[in-house]
Amino acid sequence: MWVGKFEPSRNGGNGDNIRNGDAVQIKPNVSSWRNIQVANAFYTSYDYKRNLESHMMKNTEWGAVAYLQQYCNDGTCNTAYPNSILASTTGNITGIYDMSGGTWEYVMGVILDENGNPMSGKNSIYNSGFNGTFGCPTCDNDTSGLTELTNGYSWPDSRYYDTYVYATVDEQYGRRILGDATGEMGPYGSVTYLTQIRKVNSWYTDLAYFICLDSPWFVRGADYAHGLAAGIFAFYRIVGNADNFSSFRIVLTP
């Protein structure tokens, strides 16, 4: 597979919550495409280079890059250094940049509901844009009465996303897919960072929150605000919505 050297950015803007494969550019020294729901990020990636099987990075594909980075550097590049080759997975210009710190990156890794179908998100306010059930339909003052999204995007072929078994809490790490660089990062503990207690893995004390019912989507890498808790082995659960702290990455599998 070929992995985007940088997070995608939008040609002609800082990004919007739209599907637009023609607007994709992958360049250094520009703001990454943020404020985009998972479904729009996926189909933007899907449309980008269809003849080369372009798609949004899966959680297992992130894991493959993380382990390759570990092999190349023995973990010494696990902290992001802006404007430096040390922000690369290989510690030189041939690597993949900004997979630690900077911005979170959505990946195509989602929890299944009790009926074995991939979930959309938390509720009608916070969701991925893919059709599916909501994990907490009445949270966040959601008074819509909706328990699932039915007028969103259809799911792509299953080869484009990873699925994880249903759970209501975020500490069941055994639900991992071997090689996705989540569950095998244990044992797990917690640290206090800026007065907050955070769950971390034992490898580099990167953040370690597994997806669960009300937060069914994986994000990876952590953002700049997480300090030493950021890293290529960091993972977190989120609802799938558009926000200013989450981007994505494009993969080609011709």
Protein backbone atom coordinates (compact mmCIF):
# COMPACT_ATOMS: atom_id res chain seq x y z
CA MET A 1 0.00 0.00 0.00
CA TRP A 2 0.98 3.63 -0.51
CA VAL A 3 0.26 6.02 2.35
CA GLY A 4 -0.17 9.78 2.00
CA LYS A 5 3.05 11.43 3.13
CA PHE A 6 1.01 14.21 4.73
CA GLU A 7 -2.56 14.60 5.88
CA PRO A 8 -4.71 15.80 2.97
CA SER A 9 -5.56 19.45 2.64
CA ARG A 10 -8.17 21.13 0.52
CA ASN A 11 -7.03 22.96 -2.58
CA GLY A 12 -8.54 26.41 -2.27
CA GLY A 13 -9.58 26.34 1.37
CA ASN A 14 -9.00 24.98 4.84
CA GLY A 15 -11.57 22.24 4.43
CA ASP A 16 -15.30 21.83 4.87
CA ASN A 17 -17.66 19.02 5.73
CA ILE A 18 -18.19 18.03 2.11
CA ARG A 19 -17.38 15.18 -0.28
CA ASN A 20 -14.90 16.47 -2.87
CA GLY A 21 -12.16 14.20 -4.17
CA ASP A 22 -11.18 16.77 -6.79
CA ALA A 23 -10.16 19.24 -4.07
CA VAL A 24 -7.61 16.96 -2.40
CA GLN A 25 -3.97 17.90 -2.25
CA ILE A 26 -1.25 16.19 -0.23
CA LYS A 27 1.45 18.76 0.44
CA PRO A 28 3.68 19.93 3.31
CA ASN A 29 3.36 23.23 5.15
CA VAL A 30 -0.39 23.64 4.70
CA SER A 31 -3.27 23.16 7.12
CA SER A 32 -4.77 19.66 7.12
CA TRP A 33 -8.37 19.09 6.07
CA ARG A 34 -10.39 19.16 9.28
CA ASN A 35 -14.01 19.81 10.26
CA ILE A 36 -15.19 16.87 8.18
CA GLN A 37 -17.38 13.91 9.17
CA VAL A 38 -16.03 10.41 8.69
CA ALA A 39 -18.34 9.61 5.77
CA ASN A 40 -17.34 12.73 3.83
CA ALA A 41 -13.68 12.07 4.63
CA PHE A 42 -14.01 8.48 3.41
CA TYR A 43 -15.77 9.31 0.14
CA THR A 44 -13.46 12.24 -0.52
CA SER A 45 -10.58 9.76 -0.19
CA TYR A 46 -12.47 7.16 -2.24
CA ASP A 47 -13.05 9.60 -5.12
CA TYR A 48 -9.50 10.93 -5.09
CA LYS A 49 -7.74 8.29 -7.23
CA ARG A 50 -10.34 5.63 -7.94
CA ASN A 51 -8.11 3.89 -10.52
CA LEU A 52 -5.55 3.36 -7.74
CA GLU A 53 -8.04 2.13 -5.13
CA SER A 54 -7.74 5.26 -3.02
CA HIS A 55 -9.51 5.15 0.33
CA MET A 56 -9.36 6.56 3.83
CA MET A 57 -6.85 4.77 6.06
CA LYS A 58 -8.20 1.84 8.07
CA ASN A 59 -7.25 1.22 11.67
CA THR A 60 -5.27 -1.88 10.70
CA GLU A 61 -3.40 0.11 8.05
CA TRP A 62 -2.46 2.66 10.70
CA GLY A 63 -1.18 -0.26 12.78
CA ALA A 64 0.99 -1.47 9.89
CA VAL A 65 2.64 1.94 9.59
CA ALA A 66 3.08 2.20 13.38
CA TYR A 67 4.91 -1.13 13.53
CA LEU A 68 7.07 -0.24 10.54
CA GLN A 69 8.01 2.97 12.33
CA GLN A 70 8.90 0.93 15.40
CA TYR A 71 11.14 -1.32 13.31
CA CYS A 72 12.86 1.62 11.60
CA ASN A 73 13.43 3.74 14.68
CA ASP A 74 12.95 1.58 17.77
CA GLY A 75 10.41 4.14 18.91
CA THR A 76 12.76 7.12 18.99
CA CYS A 77 10.55 9.21 16.69
CA ASN A 78 7.43 8.81 18.78
CA THR A 79 7.13 12.53 19.49
CA ALA A 80 6.22 15.12 16.86
CA TYR A 81 8.77 17.82 16.08
CA PRO A 82 7.33 20.50 13.76
CA ASN A 83 9.31 21.32 10.61
CA SER A 84 11.77 18.50 11.24
CA ILE A 85 12.57 15.14 9.74
CA LEU A 86 11.98 13.75 13.23
CA ALA A 87 8.25 14.21 12.57
CA SER A 88 8.65 11.44 10.00
CA THR A 89 8.03 7.78 10.76
CA THR A 90 11.52 6.88 9.52
CA GLY A 91 13.37 9.87 10.96
CA ASN A 92 14.27 11.08 7.47
CA ILE A 93 12.57 12.61 4.42
CA THR A 94 11.42 9.26 3.05
CA GLY A 95 8.95 8.65 5.87
CA ILE A 96 5.33 9.56 6.58
CA TYR A 97 4.83 12.81 8.43
CA ASP A 98 2.73 13.98 11.37
CA MET A 99 1.30 10.71 12.64
CA SER A 100 2.08 11.85 16.19
CA GLY A 101 0.66 15.07 17.60
CA GLY A 102 -0.56 17.85 15.35
CA THR A 103 -4.14 16.71 14.82
CA TRP A 104 -6.05 13.52 15.56
CA GLU A 105 -6.66 11.36 12.49
CA TYR A 106 -9.91 9.53 11.95
CA VAL A 107 -9.43 5.99 10.68
CA MET A 108 -11.96 3.52 9.31
CA GLY A 109 -12.40 1.50 12.47
CA VAL A 110 -15.89 1.30 13.95
CA ILE A 111 -17.82 -0.67 16.55
CA LEU A 112 -20.71 -2.97 15.67
CA ASP A 113 -24.10 -2.60 17.32
CA GLU A 114 -25.90 -5.43 19.11
CA ASN A 115 -27.24 -6.67 15.76
CA GLY A 116 -23.78 -6.85 14.20
CA ASN A 117 -24.07 -3.72 12.04
CA PRO A 118 -21.59 -0.81 12.04
CA MET A 119 -22.80 2.15 14.06
CA SER A 120 -23.21 5.71 12.78
CA GLY A 121 -22.25 7.69 15.87
CA LYS A 122 -23.51 9.00 19.18
CA ASN A 123 -26.82 10.63 18.17
CA SER A 124 -28.43 12.79 15.49
CA ILE A 125 -26.17 15.71 16.50
CA TYR A 126 -22.86 13.85 16.61
CA ASN A 127 -22.42 11.12 14.02
CA SER A 128 -20.29 10.01 11.09
CA GLY A 129 -22.76 10.60 8.27
CA PHE A 130 -22.94 6.86 7.56
CA ASN A 131 -26.30 5.17 8.05
CA GLY A 132 -26.56 3.21 11.26
CA THR A 133 -27.69 3.17 14.88
CA PHE A 134 -26.81 5.76 17.53
CA GLY A 135 -25.08 4.84 20.76
CA CYS A 136 -26.76 7.48 22.93
CA PRO A 137 -29.80 8.92 21.11
CA THR A 138 -30.89 11.23 23.95
CA CYS A 139 -27.46 12.60 24.93
CA ASP A 140 -26.39 16.22 24.36
CA ASN A 141 -29.96 17.50 24.57
CA ASP A 142 -30.87 15.58 21.43
CA THR A 143 -34.67 15.73 21.31
CA SER A 144 -35.03 14.47 17.74
CA GLY A 145 -36.34 11.07 18.83
CA LEU A 146 -34.06 9.42 16.24
CA THR A 147 -32.30 6.22 17.18
CA GLU A 148 -30.49 5.76 13.88
CA LEU A 149 -29.43 7.62 10.75
CA THR A 150 -31.27 6.49 7.63
CA ASN A 151 -30.74 9.34 5.16
CA GLY A 152 -26.95 9.40 5.22
CA TYR A 153 -24.27 7.62 3.21
CA SER A 154 -24.44 3.92 2.51
CA TRP A 155 -21.49 1.89 3.76
CA PRO A 156 -18.80 0.97 1.22
CA ASP A 157 -17.56 -2.56 0.63
CA SER A 158 -16.43 -4.12 3.90
CA ARG A 159 -12.80 -4.28 2.74
CA TYR A 160 -12.60 -0.53 3.31
CA TYR A 161 -13.24 -0.56 7.06
CA ASP A 162 -12.41 -2.54 10.20
CA THR A 163 -15.14 -3.60 12.62
CA TYR A 164 -14.98 -4.30 16.35
CA VAL A 165 -17.41 -6.20 18.55
CA TYR A 166 -20.02 -4.42 20.63
CA ALA A 167 -19.13 -3.10 24.10
CA THR A 168 -20.42 -0.42 26.43
CA VAL A 169 -17.10 0.60 28.01
CA ASP A 170 -13.76 1.72 26.56
CA GLU A 171 -11.40 -0.57 28.49
CA GLN A 172 -12.06 -3.90 26.77
CA TYR A 173 -8.80 -3.93 24.83
CA GLY A 174 -9.11 -7.60 23.93
CA ARG A 175 -11.53 -6.61 21.18
CA ARG A 176 -8.58 -5.47 19.08
CA ILE A 177 -7.64 -6.84 15.67
CA LEU A 178 -4.15 -8.29 15.99
CA GLY A 179 -1.78 -5.86 14.32
CA ASP A 180 -3.90 -2.74 14.60
CA ALA A 181 -1.57 -1.40 17.33
CA THR A 182 -4.23 -1.07 20.00
CA GLY A 183 -4.89 -4.05 22.27
CA GLU A 184 -1.35 -5.40 22.04
CA MET A 185 0.02 -2.16 23.56
CA GLY A 186 -0.83 -3.30 27.09
CA PRO A 187 -0.72 -3.63 29.98
CA TYR A 188 -2.60 -0.40 30.57
CA GLY A 189 -2.55 2.12 33.35
CA SER A 190 -3.17 5.80 33.94
CA VAL A 191 -1.15 8.98 34.39
CA THR A 192 -2.00 12.47 35.57
CA TYR A 193 -1.37 15.11 32.95
CA LEU A 194 -2.29 18.76 33.61
CA THR A 195 -4.58 17.64 36.47
CA GLN A 196 -6.39 15.12 34.22
CA ILE A 197 -6.15 11.38 34.73
CA ARG A 198 -5.66 9.66 31.38
CA LYS A 199 -5.59 6.02 30.33
CA VAL A 200 -2.34 5.12 28.64
CA ASN A 201 -0.57 2.11 27.17
CA SER A 202 2.63 0.66 28.56
CA TRP A 203 4.79 1.17 25.47
CA TYR A 204 5.22 4.95 25.48
CA THR A 205 2.37 6.06 27.78
CA ASP A 206 0.38 7.06 24.69
CA LEU A 207 -3.37 7.56 25.15
CA ALA A 208 -5.35 4.31 25.12
CA TYR A 209 -9.15 4.52 24.97
CA PHE A 210 -10.92 1.78 23.00
CA ILE A 211 -14.11 2.48 21.02
CA CYS A 212 -17.41 1.75 22.75
CA LEU A 213 -21.16 2.23 22.44
CA ASP A 214 -21.43 6.03 22.65
CA SER A 215 -18.07 6.72 20.94
CA PRO A 216 -17.86 4.16 18.13
CA TRP A 217 -15.03 5.58 15.97
CA PHE A 218 -11.25 5.36 16.31
CA VAL A 219 -8.95 8.35 16.02
CA ARG A 220 -5.18 7.91 16.13
CA GLY A 221 -2.00 9.80 16.95
CA ALA A 222 -3.48 12.46 19.30
CA ASP A 223 -3.24 16.21 18.77
CA TYR A 224 -0.74 18.84 19.80
CA ALA A 225 -2.52 19.54 23.10
CA HIS A 226 -1.86 16.05 24.49
CA GLY A 227 1.88 16.49 24.94
CA LEU A 228 3.70 13.28 25.86
CA ALA A 229 0.44 11.34 25.68
CA ALA A 230 0.49 11.84 21.90
CA GLY A 231 2.27 9.30 19.75
CA ILE A 232 1.87 6.98 16.80
CA PHE A 233 0.56 4.28 19.16
CA ALA A 234 -2.10 6.56 20.70
CA PHE A 235 -5.74 5.66 20.12
CA TYR A 236 -8.99 7.17 21.28
CA ARG A 237 -12.78 6.81 20.85
CA ILE A 238 -14.88 9.56 19.30
CA VAL A 239 -18.32 10.03 17.76
CA GLY A 240 -17.56 10.53 14.05
CA ASN A 241 -18.59 14.16 13.72
CA ALA A 242 -16.78 17.08 12.12
CA ASP A 243 -14.49 18.97 14.48
CA ASN A 244 -11.44 21.20 14.32
CA PHE A 245 -9.15 18.65 15.97
CA SER A 246 -9.58 15.70 13.58
CA SER A 247 -8.27 15.06 10.08
CA PHE A 248 -7.71 11.86 8.06
CA ARG A 249 -5.18 10.22 5.73
CA ILE A 250 -5.43 8.69 2.27
CA VAL A 251 -4.09 5.27 1.25
CA LEU A 252 -3.66 3.77 -2.22
CA THR A 253 -3.80 0.01 -2.80
CA PRO A 254 -3.45 -0.44 -6.58
